Amino acid sequence: MEKGDIFKFVGLIAFFAIMVLICLLIWPYVADIFEPGGIDRVIADVRGAGPVGFLILLGLQFLQIVVAFIPGEVVQIAAGMLYGPWLGALIILLGCVVSSAFIFALVHKLGAPFVQSMVPTKYLDKFRAFEKTGKLNIVVFILFLIPGLPKDTFTYLVPLTDMNMRTFLLLSNIGRIPGILVSTYAADGLIDGRFAESAILFAVAAVIAVLGIVFQKRIMKFLEMRSHRDK
């Protein structure tokens, strides 16, 4: 076995070991949510845990983006309920930056075969086409701004282009901010009793997200056409 293959194998094992550790740390809190009165207990426990509570939420956000099996809105709502709209959004954004940087570095070390084993790569050719037209930066920002698009998949694919980490972290996470703020603000409204306001915000966000899911292929096609037209 070549040194490169050994490095990739060890890196992959380490990656999954980290994921298992995070799952073990946060599982007691996740499981308690489904018990009677569990939500109130979890909120009280996490708020009373001080820095540990922040680390738990950061770990959950990290897990959500890296493993990509937990809907992002679930973690954002939890942050809003636990820490309010602004601090909750800040924690989520910090988690997004850390996890995105981790994935970017991991993809650069382990390469395309690792990405192919983690996420669908059907959009990879489109990202490379955007790169050739010089429109990759604006496209990445727009894709992370629109709710409902597979941002976690994009996080694995963009590092396979020539975009550097600093640019990617800046564009992708600025694009995430509006959606994060809407989720944390609406979730805080549930705790404060602003049920009608929260319901409206969640409904609007859900409609936009559904539209993003339904029309994601058309959105990619539109961006592709515009990038070639403006070349």
Protein backbone atom coordinates (compact mmCIF):
# COMPACT_ATOMS: atom_id res chain seq x y z
CA MET A 1 0.00 0.00 0.00
CA GLU A 2 1.37 3.42 -1.00
CA LYS A 3 1.95 6.15 1.58
CA GLY A 4 -0.82 8.27 0.10
CA ASP A 5 -3.31 5.41 0.45
CA ILE A 6 -2.22 4.79 4.03
CA PHE A 7 -2.67 8.47 4.88
CA LYS A 8 -6.15 8.50 3.36
CA PHE A 9 -7.16 5.35 5.23
CA VAL A 10 -5.91 6.65 8.59
CA GLY A 11 -7.57 10.01 7.95
CA LEU A 12 -10.87 8.32 7.19
CA ILE A 13 -10.70 6.21 10.37
CA ALA A 14 -9.89 9.30 12.45
CA PHE A 15 -12.76 11.18 10.85
CA PHE A 16 -15.34 8.56 11.79
CA ALA A 17 -13.83 8.17 15.28
CA ILE A 18 -14.41 11.89 15.89
CA MET A 19 -18.00 11.55 14.67
CA VAL A 20 -18.68 8.62 17.02
CA LEU A 21 -17.25 10.57 19.97
CA ILE A 22 -19.48 13.57 19.27
CA CYS A 23 -22.53 11.31 18.96
CA LEU A 24 -21.77 9.73 22.35
CA LEU A 25 -21.37 13.13 24.03
CA ILE A 26 -24.62 14.66 22.79
CA TRP A 27 -26.88 11.60 22.70
CA PRO A 28 -28.16 11.84 26.32
CA TYR A 29 -29.49 15.31 25.58
CA VAL A 30 -31.01 14.30 22.25
CA ALA A 31 -32.74 11.27 23.78
CA ASP A 32 -34.17 13.27 26.69
CA ILE A 33 -36.02 15.62 24.33
CA PHE A 34 -38.51 12.87 23.53
CA GLU A 35 -39.36 12.18 27.18
CA PRO A 36 -42.23 14.00 29.01
CA GLY A 37 -41.02 17.47 29.95
CA GLY A 38 -37.76 16.73 28.20
CA ILE A 39 -37.46 19.99 26.30
CA ASP A 40 -37.71 22.10 29.48
CA ARG A 41 -35.15 19.89 31.22
CA VAL A 42 -32.72 20.05 28.32
CA ILE A 43 -33.01 23.85 28.12
CA ALA A 44 -32.43 24.18 31.87
CA ASP A 45 -29.54 21.71 31.86
CA VAL A 46 -27.77 23.28 28.90
CA ARG A 47 -28.23 26.86 30.12
CA GLY A 48 -26.95 25.83 33.53
CA ALA A 49 -23.97 24.01 32.09
CA GLY A 50 -22.12 27.21 31.17
CA PRO A 51 -19.34 26.70 28.61
CA VAL A 52 -20.23 23.01 28.37
CA GLY A 53 -23.61 23.96 26.91
CA PHE A 54 -21.93 26.02 24.22
CA LEU A 55 -19.62 23.13 23.38
CA ILE A 56 -22.54 20.69 23.15
CA LEU A 57 -24.38 22.95 20.72
CA LEU A 58 -21.20 23.53 18.72
CA GLY A 59 -20.68 19.77 18.59
CA LEU A 60 -24.20 19.24 17.31
CA GLN A 61 -23.75 21.93 14.65
CA PHE A 62 -20.42 20.42 13.66
CA LEU A 63 -22.03 17.00 13.38
CA GLN A 64 -24.94 18.37 11.35
CA ILE A 65 -22.71 19.84 8.64
CA VAL A 66 -19.97 17.21 8.58
CA VAL A 67 -22.20 14.13 8.61
CA ALA A 68 -25.16 15.91 6.97
CA PHE A 69 -27.94 13.67 8.27
CA ILE A 70 -29.54 16.19 10.66
CA PRO A 71 -31.56 19.03 9.07
CA GLY A 72 -29.76 22.30 9.76
CA GLU A 73 -32.95 24.02 10.89
CA VAL A 74 -33.28 21.60 13.82
CA VAL A 75 -29.96 22.74 15.29
CA GLN A 76 -30.73 26.40 14.60
CA ILE A 77 -34.10 26.15 16.35
CA ALA A 78 -32.43 24.49 19.32
CA ALA A 79 -29.89 27.33 19.48
CA GLY A 80 -32.62 29.96 19.42
CA MET A 81 -34.59 28.24 22.17
CA LEU A 82 -31.53 27.73 24.36
CA TYR A 83 -29.65 31.01 23.95
CA GLY A 84 -31.94 33.48 22.21
CA PRO A 85 -31.80 34.84 18.65
CA TRP A 86 -28.47 36.67 18.67
CA LEU A 87 -26.22 34.52 20.85
CA GLY A 88 -27.83 31.39 19.40
CA ALA A 89 -27.16 32.61 15.86
CA LEU A 90 -23.56 33.47 16.79
CA ILE A 91 -22.96 29.95 18.15
CA ILE A 92 -24.46 28.37 15.03
CA LEU A 93 -22.39 30.61 12.76
CA LEU A 94 -19.21 29.74 14.68
CA GLY A 95 -20.09 26.06 14.31
CA CYS A 96 -20.60 26.54 10.57
CA VAL A 97 -17.21 28.23 10.18
CA VAL A 98 -15.36 25.55 12.17
CA SER A 99 -17.06 22.60 10.47
CA SER A 100 -16.70 24.14 6.99
CA ALA A 101 -12.99 24.73 7.57
CA PHE A 102 -12.60 21.16 8.83
CA ILE A 103 -14.32 19.73 5.74
CA PHE A 104 -12.32 21.98 3.41
CA ALA A 105 -9.02 20.82 4.91
CA LEU A 106 -10.16 17.19 4.98
CA VAL A 107 -11.18 17.21 1.32
CA HIS A 108 -7.86 18.75 0.32
CA LYS A 109 -6.03 15.98 2.18
CA LEU A 110 -8.15 12.99 1.15
CA GLY A 111 -9.23 14.08 -2.33
CA ALA A 112 -12.12 13.35 -4.67
CA PRO A 113 -12.50 9.62 -3.84
CA PHE A 114 -13.29 10.55 -0.23
CA VAL A 115 -15.90 13.08 -1.36
CA GLN A 116 -17.50 10.54 -3.67
CA SER A 117 -17.92 8.19 -0.73
CA MET A 118 -19.52 10.90 1.42
CA VAL A 119 -21.92 12.91 -0.76
CA PRO A 120 -23.48 12.89 -4.25
CA THR A 121 -21.15 14.52 -6.76
CA LYS A 122 -23.71 15.35 -9.46
CA TYR A 123 -23.04 19.09 -9.07
CA LEU A 124 -19.25 18.85 -9.25
CA ASP A 125 -19.04 19.40 -13.02
CA LYS A 126 -21.25 22.48 -12.66
CA PHE A 127 -18.97 23.97 -10.02
CA ARG A 128 -15.98 23.42 -12.28
CA ALA A 129 -17.90 25.04 -15.15
CA PHE A 130 -18.66 28.07 -12.93
CA GLU A 131 -14.96 28.22 -12.11
CA LYS A 132 -14.04 28.41 -15.79
CA THR A 133 -16.43 31.32 -16.35
CA GLY A 134 -15.02 33.24 -13.37
CA LYS A 135 -18.41 33.27 -11.63
CA LEU A 136 -17.76 30.65 -8.95
CA ASN A 137 -17.58 33.17 -6.09
CA ILE A 138 -20.96 34.77 -6.71
CA VAL A 139 -22.55 31.39 -7.42
CA VAL A 140 -21.32 29.93 -4.12
CA PHE A 141 -22.70 32.94 -2.23
CA ILE A 142 -26.11 32.64 -3.91
CA LEU A 143 -26.33 28.88 -3.34
CA PHE A 144 -25.62 29.25 0.37
CA LEU A 145 -28.08 32.14 0.62
CA ILE A 146 -31.07 30.25 -0.83
CA PRO A 147 -32.88 27.98 1.69
CA GLY A 148 -33.57 24.38 0.75
CA LEU A 149 -30.46 23.79 -1.35
CA PRO A 150 -28.04 21.01 -0.27
CA LYS A 151 -25.47 23.28 1.38
CA ASP A 152 -23.76 20.44 3.22
CA THR A 153 -23.15 18.67 -0.09
CA PHE A 154 -21.80 21.89 -1.59
CA THR A 155 -19.42 22.18 1.37
CA TYR A 156 -17.76 18.95 0.25
CA LEU A 157 -17.70 19.83 -3.44
CA VAL A 158 -16.35 23.40 -3.49
CA PRO A 159 -12.95 22.39 -2.02
CA LEU A 160 -12.42 20.31 -5.17
CA THR A 161 -12.28 23.56 -7.16
CA ASP A 162 -9.50 26.17 -7.02
CA MET A 163 -11.37 28.39 -4.51
CA ASN A 164 -9.24 28.95 -1.41
CA MET A 165 -10.49 28.27 2.10
CA ARG A 166 -10.68 31.91 3.23
CA THR A 167 -12.89 32.90 0.29
CA PHE A 168 -15.12 29.88 0.74
CA LEU A 169 -15.60 30.44 4.47
CA LEU A 170 -16.41 34.11 3.92
CA LEU A 171 -18.90 33.63 1.07
CA SER A 172 -20.65 30.52 2.35
CA ASN A 173 -21.12 31.67 5.93
CA ILE A 174 -22.26 35.19 5.07
CA GLY A 175 -24.80 33.50 2.82
CA ARG A 176 -26.02 31.37 5.74
CA ILE A 177 -26.65 34.32 8.09
CA PRO A 178 -30.22 35.34 7.03
CA GLY A 179 -31.54 31.79 7.33
CA ILE A 180 -29.84 31.27 10.69
CA LEU A 181 -31.25 34.51 12.11
CA VAL A 182 -34.80 33.69 10.97
CA SER A 183 -34.63 30.25 12.62
CA THR A 184 -33.13 31.41 15.92
CA TYR A 185 -35.44 34.44 16.17
CA ALA A 186 -38.55 32.36 15.48
CA ALA A 187 -37.42 29.69 17.97
CA ASP A 188 -36.85 32.33 20.65
CA GLY A 189 -40.42 33.52 19.99
CA LEU A 190 -41.73 30.09 20.98
CA ILE A 191 -40.04 30.40 24.38
CA ASP A 192 -41.25 34.01 24.88
CA GLY A 193 -44.82 33.22 23.84
CA ARG A 194 -44.79 35.03 20.48
CA PHE A 195 -46.46 32.03 18.88
CA ALA A 196 -48.21 33.82 15.99
CA GLU A 197 -45.04 35.66 14.99
CA SER A 198 -42.98 32.49 15.16
CA ALA A 199 -45.55 30.51 13.20
CA ILE A 200 -45.51 33.08 10.39
CA LEU A 201 -41.70 33.12 10.25
CA PHE A 202 -41.50 29.32 10.23
CA ALA A 203 -44.20 29.10 7.55
CA VAL A 204 -42.47 31.61 5.27
CA ALA A 205 -39.10 29.91 5.78
CA ALA A 206 -40.64 26.50 5.09
CA VAL A 207 -42.27 27.69 1.86
CA ILE A 208 -39.00 29.21 0.62
CA ALA A 209 -37.09 26.05 1.58
CA VAL A 210 -39.61 23.82 -0.24
CA LEU A 211 -39.32 26.01 -3.32
CA GLY A 212 -35.54 25.74 -3.09
CA ILE A 213 -35.76 21.95 -2.92
CA VAL A 214 -38.29 21.66 -5.76
CA PHE A 215 -36.49 24.06 -8.08
CA GLN A 216 -32.86 23.33 -7.19
CA LYS A 217 -32.14 21.90 -10.64
CA ARG A 218 -33.69 24.94 -12.33
CA ILE A 219 -31.76 27.25 -10.03
CA MET A 220 -28.48 25.55 -10.96
CA LYS A 221 -29.42 25.66 -14.63
CA PHE A 222 -30.31 29.36 -14.41
CA LEU A 223 -27.01 30.19 -12.71
CA GLU A 224 -25.16 28.16 -15.29
CA MET A 225 -26.84 30.03 -18.16
CA ARG A 226 -26.20 33.43 -16.58
CA SER A 227 -22.55 32.65 -15.88
CA HIS A 228 -21.97 31.68 -19.51
CA ARG A 229 -23.92 34.71 -20.76
CA ASP A 230 -21.91 37.13 -18.62
CA LYS A 231 -18.57 35.52 -19.43
